């Protein structure tokens, strides 16, 4: 898990790609039902200021800058769980300082490699995922158990050489409302990463438009990616 302690401030997007490849392609997590799951959707959040190559993302719970203490509710160590009102993150950082987290947005049973919706095996949505990961308990209980002090490492995971090689697609993060303090278009950056696009993902039309606008897919390939044509062209 050394990668989670090695945030690359010179090239955050490249670093996010590395973490995404690790979590979406090589990790299996043991959930509260004692079954193994793989992630199918994640989002990156990071606030880091040290005077060079700053990354002041205003949409995060994290905030590292000189002379400012990080919130005591955030674990001090990288590679730990951080429970918050929107779901659960895996923390990452640099030089032992936590400055960001990976929000877990969706998962499916590890043996479910079919690229289609399966309600019996899929866990769509960050709150449903958090409850499935830790058991259907209260937010207050989870916050007291996992947050603050040194943090609790992401135990009960299995790192494999390669689960398989699904394509990872990227778009802007879901549900962000633009802030006046966002002068660098962080709300439009490709910090939302997916695999298995035929499964349930929020705002598929927005995802399709983002991918088409950035020429990550061609209009004629929508059916192959999503299972149907979302954005129609004349």
C-alpha atoms as a PDB file:
ATOM      1  CA  UNK A   1       0.000   0.000   0.000  1.00  0.00           C
ATOM      2  CA  UNK A   2       3.002   2.304  -0.390  1.00  0.00           C
ATOM      3  CA  UNK A   3       1.264   3.994  -3.321  1.00  0.00           C
ATOM      4  CA  UNK A   4      -1.314   5.495  -0.945  1.00  0.00           C
ATOM      5  CA  UNK A   5       1.532   7.237   0.891  1.00  0.00           C
ATOM      6  CA  UNK A   6       3.127   8.680  -2.256  1.00  0.00           C
ATOM      7  CA  UNK A   7       0.783  11.350  -3.618  1.00  0.00           C
ATOM      8  CA  UNK A   8       2.357  12.932  -6.718  1.00  0.00           C
ATOM      9  CA  UNK A   9       1.662  16.651  -6.449  1.00  0.00           C
ATOM     10  CA  UNK A  10       3.473  17.325  -9.739  1.00  0.00           C
ATOM     11  CA  UNK A  11       0.960  15.157 -11.638  1.00  0.00           C
ATOM     12  CA  UNK A  12      -2.138  14.370  -9.564  1.00  0.00           C
ATOM     13  CA  UNK A  13      -4.125  12.902 -12.464  1.00  0.00           C
ATOM     14  CA  UNK A  14      -1.354  10.432 -13.254  1.00  0.00           C
ATOM     15  CA  UNK A  15      -1.255   9.472  -9.575  1.00  0.00           C
ATOM     16  CA  UNK A  16      -5.036   8.996  -9.523  1.00  0.00           C
ATOM     17  CA  UNK A  17      -4.724   6.727 -12.573  1.00  0.00           C
ATOM     18  CA  UNK A  18      -2.168   4.592 -10.736  1.00  0.00           C
ATOM     19  CA  UNK A  19      -4.372   4.259  -7.650  1.00  0.00           C
ATOM     20  CA  UNK A  20      -7.398   3.560  -9.837  1.00  0.00           C
ATOM     21  CA  UNK A  21      -5.591   0.733 -11.610  1.00  0.00           C
ATOM     22  CA  UNK A  22      -4.625  -0.727  -8.245  1.00  0.00           C
ATOM     23  CA  UNK A  23      -8.072  -0.544  -6.652  1.00  0.00           C
ATOM     24  CA  UNK A  24     -10.232  -1.408  -9.677  1.00  0.00           C
ATOM     25  CA  UNK A  25      -8.045  -4.111 -11.203  1.00  0.00           C
ATOM     26  CA  UNK A  26      -6.016  -5.696  -8.418  1.00  0.00           C
ATOM     27  CA  UNK A  27      -7.959  -5.465  -5.169  1.00  0.00           C
ATOM     28  CA  UNK A  28     -10.720  -7.584  -3.671  1.00  0.00           C
ATOM     29  CA  UNK A  29     -12.357  -6.442  -0.417  1.00  0.00           C
ATOM     30  CA  UNK A  30     -14.005  -8.605   2.258  1.00  0.00           C
ATOM     31  CA  UNK A  31     -17.386  -7.073   3.176  1.00  0.00           C
ATOM     32  CA  UNK A  32     -19.463  -7.588   6.319  1.00  0.00           C
ATOM     33  CA  UNK A  33     -21.256 -10.592   4.784  1.00  0.00           C
ATOM     34  CA  UNK A  34     -17.796 -12.277   4.573  1.00  0.00           C
ATOM     35  CA  UNK A  35     -17.970 -12.305   0.777  1.00  0.00           C
ATOM     36  CA  UNK A  36     -15.333 -10.803  -1.515  1.00  0.00           C
ATOM     37  CA  UNK A  37     -16.186  -7.751  -3.610  1.00  0.00           C
ATOM     38  CA  UNK A  38     -14.389  -5.728  -6.259  1.00  0.00           C
ATOM     39  CA  UNK A  39     -14.871  -1.999  -6.780  1.00  0.00           C
ATOM     40  CA  UNK A  40     -16.543  -0.790  -9.969  1.00  0.00           C
ATOM     41  CA  UNK A  41     -16.630   2.973  -9.326  1.00  0.00           C
ATOM     42  CA  UNK A  42     -14.511   5.410  -7.294  1.00  0.00           C
ATOM     43  CA  UNK A  43     -13.916   9.167  -7.029  1.00  0.00           C
ATOM     44  CA  UNK A  44     -10.834  11.132  -6.000  1.00  0.00           C
ATOM     45  CA  UNK A  45     -10.768  14.099  -3.613  1.00  0.00           C
ATOM     46  CA  UNK A  46      -7.593  15.946  -2.637  1.00  0.00           C
ATOM     47  CA  UNK A  47      -6.594  19.298  -1.140  1.00  0.00           C
ATOM     48  CA  UNK A  48      -2.864  19.942  -0.975  1.00  0.00           C
ATOM     49  CA  UNK A  49      -1.036  23.286  -0.739  1.00  0.00           C
ATOM     50  CA  UNK A  50       2.669  23.718  -0.125  1.00  0.00           C
ATOM     51  CA  UNK A  51       3.535  26.588  -2.487  1.00  0.00           C
ATOM     52  CA  UNK A  52       4.358  24.603  -5.624  1.00  0.00           C
ATOM     53  CA  UNK A  53       2.054  22.546  -7.833  1.00  0.00           C
ATOM     54  CA  UNK A  54      -0.829  23.199  -5.454  1.00  0.00           C
ATOM     55  CA  UNK A  55      -4.056  21.205  -5.728  1.00  0.00           C
ATOM     56  CA  UNK A  56      -6.713  23.242  -3.859  1.00  0.00           C
ATOM     57  CA  UNK A  57      -9.767  21.126  -4.682  1.00  0.00           C
ATOM     58  CA  UNK A  58     -12.626  22.897  -2.816  1.00  0.00           C
ATOM     59  CA  UNK A  59     -14.973  19.872  -2.882  1.00  0.00           C
ATOM     60  CA  UNK A  60     -13.194  17.727  -0.284  1.00  0.00           C
ATOM     61  CA  UNK A  61     -13.308  17.012   3.436  1.00  0.00           C
ATOM     62  CA  UNK A  62      -9.503  17.169   3.408  1.00  0.00           C
ATOM     63  CA  UNK A  63      -7.364  20.288   3.631  1.00  0.00           C
ATOM     64  CA  UNK A  64      -3.607  20.295   3.991  1.00  0.00           C
ATOM     65  CA  UNK A  65      -1.769  23.611   3.865  1.00  0.00           C
ATOM     66  CA  UNK A  66       1.154  25.117   5.801  1.00  0.00           C
ATOM     67  CA  UNK A  67       0.281  26.080   9.338  1.00  0.00           C
ATOM     68  CA  UNK A  68      -3.186  24.535   9.193  1.00  0.00           C
ATOM     69  CA  UNK A  69      -4.050  21.505  11.264  1.00  0.00           C
ATOM     70  CA  UNK A  70      -6.035  18.771   9.540  1.00  0.00           C
ATOM     71  CA  UNK A  71      -9.464  18.100  11.059  1.00  0.00           C
ATOM     72  CA  UNK A  72      -9.088  15.767  14.055  1.00  0.00           C
ATOM     73  CA  UNK A  73     -11.866  13.573  12.627  1.00  0.00           C
ATOM     74  CA  UNK A  74      -9.674  12.566   9.669  1.00  0.00           C
ATOM     75  CA  UNK A  75      -7.277   9.642  10.278  1.00  0.00           C
ATOM     76  CA  UNK A  76      -3.635  10.666  10.552  1.00  0.00           C
ATOM     77  CA  UNK A  77      -2.376   7.756   8.458  1.00  0.00           C
ATOM     78  CA  UNK A  78      -2.684   6.928   4.772  1.00  0.00           C
ATOM     79  CA  UNK A  79      -4.418   3.751   3.651  1.00  0.00           C
ATOM     80  CA  UNK A  80      -7.125   4.025   6.331  1.00  0.00           C
ATOM     81  CA  UNK A  81     -10.893   4.152   6.294  1.00  0.00           C
ATOM     82  CA  UNK A  82     -12.507   7.586   6.666  1.00  0.00           C
ATOM     83  CA  UNK A  83     -16.260   7.559   7.238  1.00  0.00           C
ATOM     84  CA  UNK A  84     -18.217  10.716   6.357  1.00  0.00           C
ATOM     85  CA  UNK A  85     -21.809  11.744   5.504  1.00  0.00           C
ATOM     86  CA  UNK A  86     -21.341  10.890   1.802  1.00  0.00           C
ATOM     87  CA  UNK A  87     -19.957   7.362   2.312  1.00  0.00           C
ATOM     88  CA  UNK A  88     -16.471   6.018   3.028  1.00  0.00           C
ATOM     89  CA  UNK A  89     -13.008   6.900   1.680  1.00  0.00           C
ATOM     90  CA  UNK A  90      -9.605   5.261   1.618  1.00  0.00           C
ATOM     91  CA  UNK A  91      -7.115   7.949   2.653  1.00  0.00           C
ATOM     92  CA  UNK A  92      -3.937   8.801   0.749  1.00  0.00           C
ATOM     93  CA  UNK A  93      -1.212  11.400   1.165  1.00  0.00           C
ATOM     94  CA  UNK A  94       2.415  12.419   0.979  1.00  0.00           C
ATOM     95  CA  UNK A  95       5.294  12.270   3.479  1.00  0.00           C
ATOM     96  CA  UNK A  96       2.988  10.745   6.067  1.00  0.00           C
ATOM     97  CA  UNK A  97       0.405  13.535   5.765  1.00  0.00           C
ATOM     98  CA  UNK A  98      -3.142  12.701   4.675  1.00  0.00           C
ATOM     99  CA  UNK A  99      -4.344  15.120   1.997  1.00  0.00           C
ATOM    100  CA  UNK A 100      -7.024  13.182   0.137  1.00  0.00           C
ATOM    101  CA  UNK A 101      -9.318  10.214  -0.127  1.00  0.00           C
ATOM    102  CA  UNK A 102     -10.804   7.778  -2.622  1.00  0.00           C
ATOM    103  CA  UNK A 103     -14.595   7.661  -2.300  1.00  0.00           C
ATOM    104  CA  UNK A 104     -15.927   4.140  -2.906  1.00  0.00           C
ATOM    105  CA  UNK A 105     -19.044   4.541  -5.044  1.00  0.00           C
ATOM    106  CA  UNK A 106     -19.968   1.051  -6.305  1.00  0.00           C
ATOM    107  CA  UNK A 107     -18.919  -2.605  -6.072  1.00  0.00           C
ATOM    108  CA  UNK A 108     -19.901  -6.087  -7.224  1.00  0.00           C
ATOM    109  CA  UNK A 109     -19.146  -9.625  -6.081  1.00  0.00           C
ATOM    110  CA  UNK A 110     -15.582 -10.526  -7.019  1.00  0.00           C
ATOM    111  CA  UNK A 111     -16.647 -13.498  -9.135  1.00  0.00           C
ATOM    112  CA  UNK A 112     -19.196 -11.401 -11.068  1.00  0.00           C
ATOM    113  CA  UNK A 113     -17.312 -10.473 -14.231  1.00  0.00           C
ATOM    114  CA  UNK A 114     -20.403 -10.084 -16.414  1.00  0.00           C
ATOM    115  CA  UNK A 115     -20.810  -6.532 -17.666  1.00  0.00           C
ATOM    116  CA  UNK A 116     -24.512  -6.208 -16.919  1.00  0.00           C
ATOM    117  CA  UNK A 117     -26.765  -5.179 -14.046  1.00  0.00           C
ATOM    118  CA  UNK A 118     -27.203  -7.910 -11.432  1.00  0.00           C
ATOM    119  CA  UNK A 119     -29.187  -6.641  -8.445  1.00  0.00           C
ATOM    120  CA  UNK A 120     -28.288  -9.724  -6.419  1.00  0.00           C
ATOM    121  CA  UNK A 121     -24.541  -9.090  -6.779  1.00  0.00           C
ATOM    122  CA  UNK A 122     -24.113  -5.343  -7.373  1.00  0.00           C
ATOM    123  CA  UNK A 123     -23.872  -2.612  -4.720  1.00  0.00           C
ATOM    124  CA  UNK A 124     -24.529   0.745  -6.449  1.00  0.00           C
ATOM    125  CA  UNK A 125     -24.123   3.978  -4.521  1.00  0.00           C
ATOM    126  CA  UNK A 126     -21.665   5.126  -1.822  1.00  0.00           C
ATOM    127  CA  UNK A 127     -24.033   4.968   1.160  1.00  0.00           C
ATOM    128  CA  UNK A 128     -25.325   1.508   0.286  1.00  0.00           C
ATOM    129  CA  UNK A 129     -21.724   0.406  -0.231  1.00  0.00           C
ATOM    130  CA  UNK A 130     -20.655   1.796   3.154  1.00  0.00           C
ATOM    131  CA  UNK A 131     -23.470  -0.078   4.901  1.00  0.00           C
ATOM    132  CA  UNK A 132     -22.645  -3.291   3.048  1.00  0.00           C
ATOM    133  CA  UNK A 133     -18.930  -2.966   3.767  1.00  0.00           C
ATOM    134  CA  UNK A 134     -19.241  -2.477   7.526  1.00  0.00           C
ATOM    135  CA  UNK A 135     -22.697  -3.854   8.226  1.00  0.00           C
ATOM    136  CA  UNK A 136     -25.963  -1.970   8.451  1.00  0.00           C
ATOM    137  CA  UNK A 137     -25.053   0.115  11.500  1.00  0.00           C
ATOM    138  CA  UNK A 138     -25.344   3.807  12.325  1.00  0.00           C
ATOM    139  CA  UNK A 139     -23.146   6.555  10.935  1.00  0.00           C
ATOM    140  CA  UNK A 140     -22.390   7.743  14.472  1.00  0.00           C
ATOM    141  CA  UNK A 141     -21.071   4.285  15.425  1.00  0.00           C
ATOM    142  CA  UNK A 142     -18.879   4.037  12.315  1.00  0.00           C
ATOM    143  CA  UNK A 143     -17.547   7.561  12.785  1.00  0.00           C
ATOM    144  CA  UNK A 144     -16.536   6.819  16.370  1.00  0.00           C
ATOM    145  CA  UNK A 145     -14.946   3.507  15.379  1.00  0.00           C
ATOM    146  CA  UNK A 146     -12.938   4.572  12.325  1.00  0.00           C
ATOM    147  CA  UNK A 147     -12.272   8.308  12.402  1.00  0.00           C
ATOM    148  CA  UNK A 148      -9.649  10.297  14.241  1.00  0.00           C
ATOM    149  CA  UNK A 149      -6.418   9.272  15.995  1.00  0.00           C
ATOM    150  CA  UNK A 150      -4.219   6.990  13.913  1.00  0.00           C
ATOM    151  CA  UNK A 151      -7.039   5.492  11.837  1.00  0.00           C
ATOM    152  CA  UNK A 152      -7.802   1.873  11.001  1.00  0.00           C
ATOM    153  CA  UNK A 153      -6.046   0.362   8.003  1.00  0.00           C
ATOM    154  CA  UNK A 154      -8.065  -1.136   5.172  1.00  0.00           C
ATOM    155  CA  UNK A 155      -7.750  -4.674   6.455  1.00  0.00           C
ATOM    156  CA  UNK A 156      -9.584  -7.606   4.893  1.00  0.00           C
ATOM    157  CA  UNK A 157      -8.402  -6.933   1.374  1.00  0.00           C
ATOM    158  CA  UNK A 158      -6.634  -9.263  -1.034  1.00  0.00           C
ATOM    159  CA  UNK A 159      -4.139  -7.927  -3.538  1.00  0.00           C
ATOM    160  CA  UNK A 160      -3.990 -10.104  -6.627  1.00  0.00           C
ATOM    161  CA  UNK A 161      -1.671  -9.936  -9.609  1.00  0.00           C
ATOM    162  CA  UNK A 162      -4.557  -9.149 -11.928  1.00  0.00           C
ATOM    163  CA  UNK A 163      -8.266  -9.836 -11.518  1.00  0.00           C
ATOM    164  CA  UNK A 164      -8.734  -9.124 -15.201  1.00  0.00           C
ATOM    165  CA  UNK A 165      -8.210  -6.117 -17.426  1.00  0.00           C
ATOM    166  CA  UNK A 166     -11.445  -4.127 -17.636  1.00  0.00           C
ATOM    167  CA  UNK A 167     -11.302  -0.771 -19.360  1.00  0.00           C
ATOM    168  CA  UNK A 168     -11.348   2.151 -16.922  1.00  0.00           C
ATOM    169  CA  UNK A 169     -13.366   5.166 -18.055  1.00  0.00           C
ATOM    170  CA  UNK A 170     -13.233   8.600 -16.445  1.00  0.00           C
ATOM    171  CA  UNK A 171     -15.599  11.552 -16.122  1.00  0.00           C
ATOM    172  CA  UNK A 172     -16.273  14.474 -13.815  1.00  0.00           C
ATOM    173  CA  UNK A 173     -17.464  13.679 -10.287  1.00  0.00           C
ATOM    174  CA  UNK A 174     -21.140  13.170  -9.574  1.00  0.00           C
ATOM    175  CA  UNK A 175     -23.422  15.728  -7.943  1.00  0.00           C
ATOM    176  CA  UNK A 176     -20.972  18.602  -7.429  1.00  0.00           C
ATOM    177  CA  UNK A 177     -22.397  22.134  -7.381  1.00  0.00           C
ATOM    178  CA  UNK A 178     -19.887  24.646  -8.719  1.00  0.00           C
ATOM    179  CA  UNK A 179     -18.321  26.843  -6.032  1.00  0.00           C
ATOM    180  CA  UNK A 180     -17.103  30.409  -6.497  1.00  0.00           C
ATOM    181  CA  UNK A 181     -13.826  29.343  -4.875  1.00  0.00           C
ATOM    182  CA  UNK A 182     -13.243  26.829  -7.672  1.00  0.00           C
ATOM    183  CA  UNK A 183     -11.071  28.831 -10.072  1.00  0.00           C
ATOM    184  CA  UNK A 184      -9.449  25.775 -11.634  1.00  0.00           C
ATOM    185  CA  UNK A 185     -12.501  23.812 -12.862  1.00  0.00           C
ATOM    186  CA  UNK A 186     -12.035  21.033 -10.329  1.00  0.00           C
ATOM    187  CA  UNK A 187     -15.716  20.178 -10.683  1.00  0.00           C
ATOM    188  CA  UNK A 188     -15.104  19.246 -14.325  1.00  0.00           C
ATOM    189  CA  UNK A 189     -11.914  17.232 -13.918  1.00  0.00           C
ATOM    190  CA  UNK A 190     -11.928  13.471 -14.684  1.00  0.00           C
ATOM    191  CA  UNK A 191     -11.749  12.323 -11.083  1.00  0.00           C
ATOM    192  CA  UNK A 192     -14.585   9.768 -11.305  1.00  0.00           C
ATOM    193  CA  UNK A 193     -13.346   6.348 -12.496  1.00  0.00           C
ATOM    194  CA  UNK A 194     -15.469   3.356 -13.592  1.00  0.00           C
ATOM    195  CA  UNK A 195     -15.358  -0.162 -14.918  1.00  0.00           C
ATOM    196  CA  UNK A 196     -18.248  -2.312 -16.197  1.00  0.00           C
ATOM    197  CA  UNK A 197     -20.185   0.563 -17.735  1.00  0.00           C
ATOM    198  CA  UNK A 198     -23.278  -1.577 -18.406  1.00  0.00           C
ATOM    199  CA  UNK A 199     -23.837  -1.832 -14.663  1.00  0.00           C
ATOM    200  CA  UNK A 200     -25.629   0.854 -12.623  1.00  0.00           C
ATOM    201  CA  UNK A 201     -23.803   4.194 -12.485  1.00  0.00           C
ATOM    202  CA  UNK A 202     -25.490   7.474 -11.592  1.00  0.00           C
ATOM    203  CA  UNK A 203     -26.085   9.981 -14.436  1.00  0.00           C
ATOM    204  CA  UNK A 204     -25.137   7.795 -17.375  1.00  0.00           C
ATOM    205  CA  UNK A 205     -26.218  10.509 -19.799  1.00  0.00           C
ATOM    206  CA  UNK A 206     -23.764  12.930 -18.194  1.00  0.00           C
ATOM    207  CA  UNK A 207     -21.039  10.274 -18.313  1.00  0.00           C
ATOM    208  CA  UNK A 208     -21.710   9.595 -21.995  1.00  0.00           C
ATOM    209  CA  UNK A 209     -21.639  13.289 -22.875  1.00  0.00           C
ATOM    210  CA  UNK A 210     -18.351  13.738 -20.996  1.00  0.00           C
ATOM    211  CA  UNK A 211     -16.724  10.776 -22.759  1.00  0.00           C
ATOM    212  CA  UNK A 212     -17.989  11.914 -26.160  1.00  0.00           C
ATOM    213  CA  UNK A 213     -16.911  15.531 -25.608  1.00  0.00           C
ATOM    214  CA  UNK A 214     -13.401  14.381 -24.687  1.00  0.00           C
ATOM    215  CA  UNK A 215     -13.376  11.895 -27.586  1.00  0.00           C
ATOM    216  CA  UNK A 216     -12.801   8.989 -25.197  1.00  0.00           C
ATOM    217  CA  UNK A 217     -15.481   7.089 -27.106  1.00  0.00           C
ATOM    218  CA  UNK A 218     -17.082   7.548 -30.518  1.00  0.00           C
ATOM    219  CA  UNK A 219     -20.854   8.056 -30.941  1.00  0.00           C
ATOM    220  CA  UNK A 220     -21.128   4.736 -32.754  1.00  0.00           C
ATOM    221  CA  UNK A 221     -19.479   2.906 -29.821  1.00  0.00           C
ATOM    222  CA  UNK A 222     -22.012   3.895 -27.148  1.00  0.00           C
ATOM    223  CA  UNK A 223     -23.922   0.617 -27.403  1.00  0.00           C
ATOM    224  CA  UNK A 224     -20.737  -1.397 -26.947  1.00  0.00           C
ATOM    225  CA  UNK A 225     -19.780   0.624 -23.867  1.00  0.00           C
ATOM    226  CA  UNK A 226     -23.164   1.173 -22.155  1.00  0.00           C
ATOM    227  CA  UNK A 227     -25.350  -1.507 -23.733  1.00  0.00           C
ATOM    228  CA  UNK A 228     -27.509   1.075 -25.516  1.00  0.00           C
ATOM    229  CA  UNK A 229     -27.230   4.434 -27.253  1.00  0.00           C
ATOM    230  CA  UNK A 230     -27.607   7.225 -24.682  1.00  0.00           C
ATOM    231  CA  UNK A 231     -26.816  10.389 -26.640  1.00  0.00           C
ATOM    232  CA  UNK A 232     -28.422  10.359 -30.063  1.00  0.00           C
ATOM    233  CA  UNK A 233     -26.850  12.146 -33.031  1.00  0.00           C
ATOM    234  CA  UNK A 234     -28.572  13.085 -36.259  1.00  0.00           C
END
